Amino acid sequence: MKIEILPSLLAADFGRLGDEILRAEASGAEALHLDIMDAHFVPNLSFGPDVVALAKRTAPGFSRNVHLMMSRPDLYLEKFAVAGAQTIQIHVEADCDLHTELKRIRALGLKNAIVLNPETPVERLEPYLGEIDEALVMTVHPGYGGQSFLADCLPKVTWLRERKPQLDVMVDGGVNAETAVLAAKAGANQFVAGSYLFKQSDMKAAVSGLRSSVSSPL
């Protein structure tokens, strides 16, 4: 499986978002991860389609992975598609018909993904495995950056890898050089890192080091 590193814009300096997007692109990461929070599904409010559009204008060649932490993502799919999302991730816990919305995301010409919170049994994803391009296992409780990695979520990663070996399996939350190796051993091939990458003075070196550590985790 291809290893992918995704800096999370939630951890960037919001006073200089354009520069931070360019710094993430220059790091050699595969995509920018954008966390959209509605202050209802999670206890925080982040940003909306305008920031996705900013990322597209600022770095049009840098892929945009949009994570909708929303109770009703179905009401906003078109808005984020128009803004420039290339992958849209929606939660299995969201209040909508997931089969319908996963199909809608693909009909918009985008990759789709389903997301699982730490407290949700991984078996909830079984009905959707034939309909998704990616699965994201949250390794923190979503809503805020800078939280500690929850290693007890890793069996969910292994479960997904065993059920669908060619599926892109992502982890997000508390990812750094040490925890990413644990996730890679469990079967993850996509790694979202926010605070760990954006706090680095040399993000390119940090991305390279992270990629190296997860490429040969044993």
C-alpha atoms as a PDB file:
ATOM      1  CA  MET A   1       0.000   0.000   0.000  1.00  0.00           C
ATOM      2  CA  LYS A   2       1.168   3.521  -0.766  1.00  0.00           C
ATOM      3  CA  ILE A   3       2.208   5.505   2.303  1.00  0.00           C
ATOM      4  CA  GLU A   4       0.551   8.933   2.518  1.00  0.00           C
ATOM      5  CA  ILE A   5       1.267  11.743   4.983  1.00  0.00           C
ATOM      6  CA  LEU A   6      -1.381  14.439   5.473  1.00  0.00           C
ATOM      7  CA  PRO A   7      -0.673  17.590   7.503  1.00  0.00           C
ATOM      8  CA  SER A   8      -3.838  18.730   9.293  1.00  0.00           C
ATOM      9  CA  LEU A   9      -4.559  22.409   8.712  1.00  0.00           C
ATOM     10  CA  LEU A  10      -6.357  22.620  12.062  1.00  0.00           C
ATOM     11  CA  ALA A  11      -2.922  22.884  13.709  1.00  0.00           C
ATOM     12  CA  ALA A  12      -1.686  25.690  11.432  1.00  0.00           C
ATOM     13  CA  ASP A  13      -1.236  29.356  12.290  1.00  0.00           C
ATOM     14  CA  PHE A  14      -4.639  30.756  11.312  1.00  0.00           C
ATOM     15  CA  GLY A  15      -3.141  34.226  10.968  1.00  0.00           C
ATOM     16  CA  ARG A  16      -1.140  33.067   7.954  1.00  0.00           C
ATOM     17  CA  LEU A  17      -3.137  30.229   6.446  1.00  0.00           C
ATOM     18  CA  GLY A  18      -1.936  30.787   2.901  1.00  0.00           C
ATOM     19  CA  ASP A  19       1.706  30.497   3.936  1.00  0.00           C
ATOM     20  CA  GLU A  20       0.943  27.448   6.057  1.00  0.00           C
ATOM     21  CA  ILE A  21      -0.783  25.703   3.150  1.00  0.00           C
ATOM     22  CA  LEU A  22       2.271  26.369   0.976  1.00  0.00           C
ATOM     23  CA  ARG A  23       4.576  25.093   3.722  1.00  0.00           C
ATOM     24  CA  ALA A  24       2.570  21.870   3.914  1.00  0.00           C
ATOM     25  CA  GLU A  25       2.697  21.471   0.143  1.00  0.00           C
ATOM     26  CA  ALA A  26       6.467  22.069   0.092  1.00  0.00           C
ATOM     27  CA  SER A  27       6.974  19.429   2.779  1.00  0.00           C
ATOM     28  CA  GLY A  28       6.439  16.610   0.299  1.00  0.00           C
ATOM     29  CA  ALA A  29       3.224  15.438   1.963  1.00  0.00           C
ATOM     30  CA  GLU A  30       0.640  13.789  -0.284  1.00  0.00           C
ATOM     31  CA  ALA A  31      -2.397  15.845   0.718  1.00  0.00           C
ATOM     32  CA  LEU A  32      -3.745  18.534   3.010  1.00  0.00           C
ATOM     33  CA  HIS A  33      -6.241  17.356   5.629  1.00  0.00           C
ATOM     34  CA  LEU A  34      -9.025  19.823   6.434  1.00  0.00           C
ATOM     35  CA  ASP A  35     -11.164  19.226   9.520  1.00  0.00           C
ATOM     36  CA  ILE A  36     -14.635  20.735   9.256  1.00  0.00           C
ATOM     37  CA  MET A  37     -16.352  20.993  12.660  1.00  0.00           C
ATOM     38  CA  ASP A  38     -19.952  22.086  13.174  1.00  0.00           C
ATOM     39  CA  ALA A  39     -19.989  22.677  16.972  1.00  0.00           C
ATOM     40  CA  HIS A  40     -22.750  20.072  17.193  1.00  0.00           C
ATOM     41  CA  PHE A  41     -21.294  16.715  16.167  1.00  0.00           C
ATOM     42  CA  VAL A  42     -18.107  17.762  17.991  1.00  0.00           C
ATOM     43  CA  PRO A  43     -17.691  20.484  20.658  1.00  0.00           C
ATOM     44  CA  ASN A  44     -15.756  22.874  18.448  1.00  0.00           C
ATOM     45  CA  LEU A  45     -16.186  25.057  15.375  1.00  0.00           C
ATOM     46  CA  SER A  46     -13.415  25.224  12.793  1.00  0.00           C
ATOM     47  CA  PHE A  47     -13.927  26.497   9.247  1.00  0.00           C
ATOM     48  CA  GLY A  48     -16.057  25.936   6.183  1.00  0.00           C
ATOM     49  CA  PRO A  49     -15.933  25.726   2.387  1.00  0.00           C
ATOM     50  CA  ASP A  50     -14.126  29.072   2.039  1.00  0.00           C
ATOM     51  CA  VAL A  51     -10.974  27.620   3.601  1.00  0.00           C
ATOM     52  CA  VAL A  52     -11.126  24.634   1.256  1.00  0.00           C
ATOM     53  CA  ALA A  53     -11.437  27.114  -1.623  1.00  0.00           C
ATOM     54  CA  LEU A  54      -8.449  29.041  -0.225  1.00  0.00           C
ATOM     55  CA  ALA A  55      -6.396  25.847  -0.225  1.00  0.00           C
ATOM     56  CA  LYS A  56      -7.351  25.227  -3.850  1.00  0.00           C
ATOM     57  CA  ARG A  57      -6.394  28.766  -4.910  1.00  0.00           C
ATOM     58  CA  THR A  58      -3.176  28.765  -2.924  1.00  0.00           C
ATOM     59  CA  ALA A  59      -1.893  25.319  -3.880  1.00  0.00           C
ATOM     60  CA  PRO A  60      -4.050  23.964  -6.713  1.00  0.00           C
ATOM     61  CA  GLY A  61      -1.849  20.904  -7.214  1.00  0.00           C
ATOM     62  CA  PHE A  62      -1.936  19.871  -3.547  1.00  0.00           C
ATOM     63  CA  SER A  63      -4.683  17.315  -2.882  1.00  0.00           C
ATOM     64  CA  ARG A  64      -7.443  18.308  -0.468  1.00  0.00           C
ATOM     65  CA  ASN A  65      -8.787  15.686   1.941  1.00  0.00           C
ATOM     66  CA  VAL A  66     -11.898  17.052   3.685  1.00  0.00           C
ATOM     67  CA  HIS A  67     -13.109  15.478   6.932  1.00  0.00           C
ATOM     68  CA  LEU A  68     -16.682  16.465   7.765  1.00  0.00           C
ATOM     69  CA  MET A  69     -17.143  16.237  11.539  1.00  0.00           C
ATOM     70  CA  MET A  70     -20.781  17.135  11.125  1.00  0.00           C
ATOM     71  CA  SER A  71     -24.137  15.778  12.252  1.00  0.00           C
ATOM     72  CA  ARG A  72     -25.597  16.409   8.785  1.00  0.00           C
ATOM     73  CA  PRO A  73     -22.799  16.192   6.210  1.00  0.00           C
ATOM     74  CA  ASP A  74     -25.410  15.406   3.568  1.00  0.00           C
ATOM     75  CA  LEU A  75     -26.492  19.067   3.586  1.00  0.00           C
ATOM     76  CA  TYR A  76     -23.022  20.280   2.586  1.00  0.00           C
ATOM     77  CA  LEU A  77     -21.518  17.784   0.148  1.00  0.00           C
ATOM     78  CA  GLU A  78     -22.050  19.935  -2.941  1.00  0.00           C
ATOM     79  CA  LYS A  79     -20.690  23.047  -1.218  1.00  0.00           C
ATOM     80  CA  PHE A  80     -17.437  21.334  -0.350  1.00  0.00           C
ATOM     81  CA  ALA A  81     -17.185  19.696  -3.759  1.00  0.00           C
ATOM     82  CA  VAL A  82     -17.541  23.093  -5.462  1.00  0.00           C
ATOM     83  CA  ALA A  83     -15.005  24.582  -3.048  1.00  0.00           C
ATOM     84  CA  GLY A  84     -12.384  22.065  -4.153  1.00  0.00           C
ATOM     85  CA  ALA A  85     -12.561  18.954  -1.992  1.00  0.00           C
ATOM     86  CA  GLN A  86     -11.102  15.887  -3.701  1.00  0.00           C
ATOM     87  CA  THR A  87     -11.909  13.408  -0.959  1.00  0.00           C
ATOM     88  CA  ILE A  88     -14.829  13.798   1.442  1.00  0.00           C
ATOM     89  CA  GLN A  89     -14.899  11.788   4.649  1.00  0.00           C
ATOM     90  CA  ILE A  90     -18.132  11.357   6.618  1.00  0.00           C
ATOM     91  CA  HIS A  91     -18.753   9.724   9.985  1.00  0.00           C
ATOM     92  CA  VAL A  92     -20.544   6.442  10.483  1.00  0.00           C
ATOM     93  CA  GLU A  93     -22.139   8.163  13.491  1.00  0.00           C
ATOM     94  CA  ALA A  94     -23.616  10.993  11.367  1.00  0.00           C
ATOM     95  CA  ASP A  95     -27.367  11.523  11.133  1.00  0.00           C
ATOM     96  CA  CYS A  96     -27.896  10.581   7.491  1.00  0.00           C
ATOM     97  CA  ASP A  97     -28.181   7.563   5.206  1.00  0.00           C
ATOM     98  CA  LEU A  98     -24.563   6.626   4.652  1.00  0.00           C
ATOM     99  CA  HIS A  99     -25.169   4.366   1.669  1.00  0.00           C
ATOM    100  CA  THR A 100     -26.856   7.258  -0.134  1.00  0.00           C
ATOM    101  CA  GLU A 101     -24.263   9.868   0.813  1.00  0.00           C
ATOM    102  CA  LEU A 102     -21.248   7.707  -0.050  1.00  0.00           C
ATOM    103  CA  LYS A 103     -22.763   7.252  -3.515  1.00  0.00           C
ATOM    104  CA  ARG A 104     -23.410  10.987  -3.796  1.00  0.00           C
ATOM    105  CA  ILE A 105     -19.783  11.777  -3.017  1.00  0.00           C
ATOM    106  CA  ARG A 106     -18.632   9.502  -5.825  1.00  0.00           C
ATOM    107  CA  ALA A 107     -21.288  10.949  -8.144  1.00  0.00           C
ATOM    108  CA  LEU A 108     -19.707  14.356  -7.524  1.00  0.00           C
ATOM    109  CA  GLY A 109     -16.469  12.950  -8.936  1.00  0.00           C
ATOM    110  CA  LEU A 110     -14.714  12.664  -5.574  1.00  0.00           C
ATOM    111  CA  LYS A 111     -13.236   9.875  -3.494  1.00  0.00           C
ATOM    112  CA  ASN A 112     -15.268   8.950  -0.447  1.00  0.00           C
ATOM    113  CA  ALA A 113     -14.352   7.743   3.001  1.00  0.00           C
ATOM    114  CA  ILE A 114     -16.058   6.705   6.200  1.00  0.00           C
ATOM    115  CA  VAL A 115     -14.831   7.717   9.661  1.00  0.00           C
ATOM    116  CA  LEU A 116     -15.081   5.898  12.982  1.00  0.00           C
ATOM    117  CA  ASN A 117     -14.927   7.540  16.418  1.00  0.00           C
ATOM    118  CA  PRO A 118     -12.963   5.860  19.247  1.00  0.00           C
ATOM    119  CA  GLU A 119     -16.053   4.705  21.142  1.00  0.00           C
ATOM    120  CA  THR A 120     -17.767   3.177  18.069  1.00  0.00           C
ATOM    121  CA  PRO A 121     -17.318  -0.570  17.384  1.00  0.00           C
ATOM    122  CA  VAL A 122     -15.483  -1.178  14.141  1.00  0.00           C
ATOM    123  CA  GLU A 123     -18.116  -3.691  13.082  1.00  0.00           C
ATOM    124  CA  ARG A 124     -20.355  -0.713  12.308  1.00  0.00           C
ATOM    125  CA  LEU A 125     -18.313  -0.301   9.115  1.00  0.00           C
ATOM    126  CA  GLU A 126     -19.032  -3.787   7.770  1.00  0.00           C
ATOM    127  CA  PRO A 127     -22.045  -2.765   5.609  1.00  0.00           C
ATOM    128  CA  TYR A 128     -20.032  -0.058   3.850  1.00  0.00           C
ATOM    129  CA  LEU A 129     -16.749  -1.802   3.041  1.00  0.00           C
ATOM    130  CA  GLY A 130     -17.746  -2.403  -0.565  1.00  0.00           C
ATOM    131  CA  GLU A 131     -18.672   1.267  -1.073  1.00  0.00           C
ATOM    132  CA  ILE A 132     -15.662   3.215   0.223  1.00  0.00           C
ATOM    133  CA  ASP A 133     -12.291   4.369  -1.069  1.00  0.00           C
ATOM    134  CA  GLU A 134     -10.832   5.053   2.376  1.00  0.00           C
ATOM    135  CA  ALA A 135     -11.569   4.409   6.042  1.00  0.00           C
ATOM    136  CA  LEU A 136     -10.422   6.744   8.806  1.00  0.00           C
ATOM    137  CA  VAL A 137      -9.968   5.458  12.340  1.00  0.00           C
ATOM    138  CA  MET A 138      -9.930   8.322  14.831  1.00  0.00           C
ATOM    139  CA  THR A 139      -7.185   7.803  17.405  1.00  0.00           C
ATOM    140  CA  VAL A 140      -8.410  10.690  19.560  1.00  0.00           C
ATOM    141  CA  HIS A 141     -11.884  11.916  20.438  1.00  0.00           C
ATOM    142  CA  PRO A 142     -12.596  14.384  17.630  1.00  0.00           C
ATOM    143  CA  GLY A 143     -13.007  18.080  18.221  1.00  0.00           C
ATOM    144  CA  TYR A 144      -9.628  19.454  19.222  1.00  0.00           C
ATOM    145  CA  GLY A 145      -6.032  19.102  18.064  1.00  0.00           C
ATOM    146  CA  GLY A 146      -3.093  18.223  20.266  1.00  0.00           C
ATOM    147  CA  GLN A 147      -4.670  15.252  22.072  1.00  0.00           C
ATOM    148  CA  SER A 148      -2.885  12.074  23.129  1.00  0.00           C
ATOM    149  CA  PHE A 149      -2.950   9.016  20.884  1.00  0.00           C
ATOM    150  CA  LEU A 150      -5.427   6.277  21.888  1.00  0.00           C
ATOM    151  CA  ALA A 151      -3.582   3.033  21.196  1.00  0.00           C
ATOM    152  CA  ASP A 152      -6.634   0.929  22.038  1.00  0.00           C
ATOM    153  CA  CYS A 153      -8.117   2.058  18.702  1.00  0.00           C
ATOM    154  CA  LEU A 154      -5.451   0.188  16.747  1.00  0.00           C
ATOM    155  CA  PRO A 155      -7.248  -3.184  16.606  1.00  0.00           C
ATOM    156  CA  LYS A 156      -9.841  -1.398  14.458  1.00  0.00           C
ATOM    157  CA  VAL A 157      -7.107  -0.600  11.937  1.00  0.00           C
ATOM    158  CA  THR A 158      -6.086  -4.264  11.854  1.00  0.00           C
ATOM    159  CA  TRP A 159      -9.708  -5.355  11.473  1.00  0.00           C
ATOM    160  CA  LEU A 160     -10.101  -3.109   8.416  1.00  0.00           C
ATOM    161  CA  ARG A 161      -6.810  -4.236   6.867  1.00  0.00           C
ATOM    162  CA  GLU A 162      -7.767  -7.883   7.280  1.00  0.00           C
ATOM    163  CA  ARG A 163     -11.291  -7.416   5.919  1.00  0.00           C
ATOM    164  CA  LYS A 164     -10.250  -5.373   2.888  1.00  0.00           C
ATOM    165  CA  PRO A 165      -6.497  -5.636   2.241  1.00  0.00           C
ATOM    166  CA  GLN A 166      -6.373  -3.039  -0.555  1.00  0.00           C
ATOM    167  CA  LEU A 167      -8.351  -0.372   1.316  1.00  0.00           C
ATOM    168  CA  ASP A 168      -6.617   2.877   2.232  1.00  0.00           C
ATOM    169  CA  VAL A 169      -6.746   2.970   6.038  1.00  0.00           C
ATOM    170  CA  MET A 170      -6.053   6.291   7.732  1.00  0.00           C
ATOM    171  CA  VAL A 171      -5.379   7.263  11.334  1.00  0.00           C
ATOM    172  CA  ASP A 172      -5.889  10.746  12.745  1.00  0.00           C
ATOM    173  CA  GLY A 173      -5.162  12.018  16.230  1.00  0.00           C
ATOM    174  CA  GLY A 174      -2.004  12.177  18.303  1.00  0.00           C
ATOM    175  CA  VAL A 175       0.123  11.002  15.374  1.00  0.00           C
ATOM    176  CA  ASN A 176       3.864  11.548  15.738  1.00  0.00           C
ATOM    177  CA  ALA A 177       7.054   9.638  14.912  1.00  0.00           C
ATOM    178  CA  GLU A 178       6.390   7.046  17.628  1.00  0.00           C
ATOM    179  CA  THR A 179       2.634   6.549  17.411  1.00  0.00           C
ATOM    180  CA  ALA A 180       2.674   6.446  13.610  1.00  0.00           C
ATOM    181  CA  VAL A 181       4.875   3.350  13.794  1.00  0.00           C
ATOM    182  CA  LEU A 182       2.306   1.648  16.041  1.00  0.00           C
ATOM    183  CA  ALA A 183      -0.422   2.520  13.534  1.00  0.00           C
ATOM    184  CA  ALA A 184       1.648   1.256  10.616  1.00  0.00           C
ATOM    185  CA  LYS A 185       2.253  -2.045  12.388  1.00  0.00           C
ATOM    186  CA  ALA A 186      -1.505  -2.327  12.871  1.00  0.00           C
ATOM    187  CA  GLY A 187      -2.065  -1.828   9.135  1.00  0.00           C
ATOM    188  CA  ALA A 188      -2.501   1.901   8.507  1.00  0.00           C
ATOM    189  CA  ASN A 189      -1.023   3.428   5.345  1.00  0.00           C
ATOM    190  CA  GLN A 190      -2.323   7.013   5.638  1.00  0.00           C
ATOM    191  CA  PHE A 191      -1.295   9.255   8.533  1.00  0.00           C
ATOM    192  CA  VAL A 192      -2.815  12.604   9.480  1.00  0.00           C
ATOM    193  CA  ALA A 193      -0.531  14.682  11.690  1.00  0.00           C
ATOM    194  CA  GLY A 194      -1.373  18.179  12.873  1.00  0.00           C
ATOM    195  CA  SER A 195       0.513  19.562  15.848  1.00  0.00           C
ATOM    196  CA  TYR A 196       3.470  17.258  15.275  1.00  0.00           C
ATOM    197  CA  LEU A 197       4.101  18.594  11.752  1.00  0.00           C
ATOM    198  CA  PHE A 198       3.060  22.232  12.002  1.00  0.00           C
ATOM    199  CA  LYS A 199       5.186  22.840  15.119  1.00  0.00           C
ATOM    200  CA  GLN A 200       8.315  21.787  13.215  1.00  0.00           C
ATOM    201  CA  SER A 201      10.622  24.477  11.883  1.00  0.00           C
ATOM    202  CA  ASP A 202      11.500  22.065   9.049  1.00  0.00           C
ATOM    203  CA  MET A 203       8.265  20.343   8.098  1.00  0.00           C
ATOM    204  CA  LYS A 204       9.863  18.728   5.071  1.00  0.00           C
ATOM    205  CA  ALA A 205      12.372  16.885   7.262  1.00  0.00           C
ATOM    206  CA  ALA A 206       9.584  15.867   9.645  1.00  0.00           C
ATOM    207  CA  VAL A 207       7.442  14.473   6.823  1.00  0.00           C
ATOM    208  CA  SER A 208      10.435  12.606   5.425  1.00  0.00           C
ATOM    209  CA  GLY A 209      11.249  11.137   8.831  1.00  0.00           C
ATOM    210  CA  LEU A 210       7.646  10.140   9.428  1.00  0.00           C
ATOM    211  CA  ARG A 211       7.447   8.475   6.025  1.00  0.00           C
ATOM    212  CA  SER A 212      10.661   6.577   6.652  1.00  0.00           C
ATOM    213  CA  SER A 213       9.533   5.332  10.072  1.00  0.00           C
ATOM    214  CA  VAL A 214       6.182   4.013   8.824  1.00  0.00           C
ATOM    215  CA  SER A 215       7.589   2.503   5.619  1.00  0.00           C
ATOM    216  CA  SER A 216       9.516  -0.113   7.602  1.00  0.00           C
ATOM    217  CA  PRO A 217       7.827  -0.204  11.023  1.00  0.00           C
ATOM    218  CA  LEU A 218       9.144  -3.647  11.969  1.00  0.00           C
END
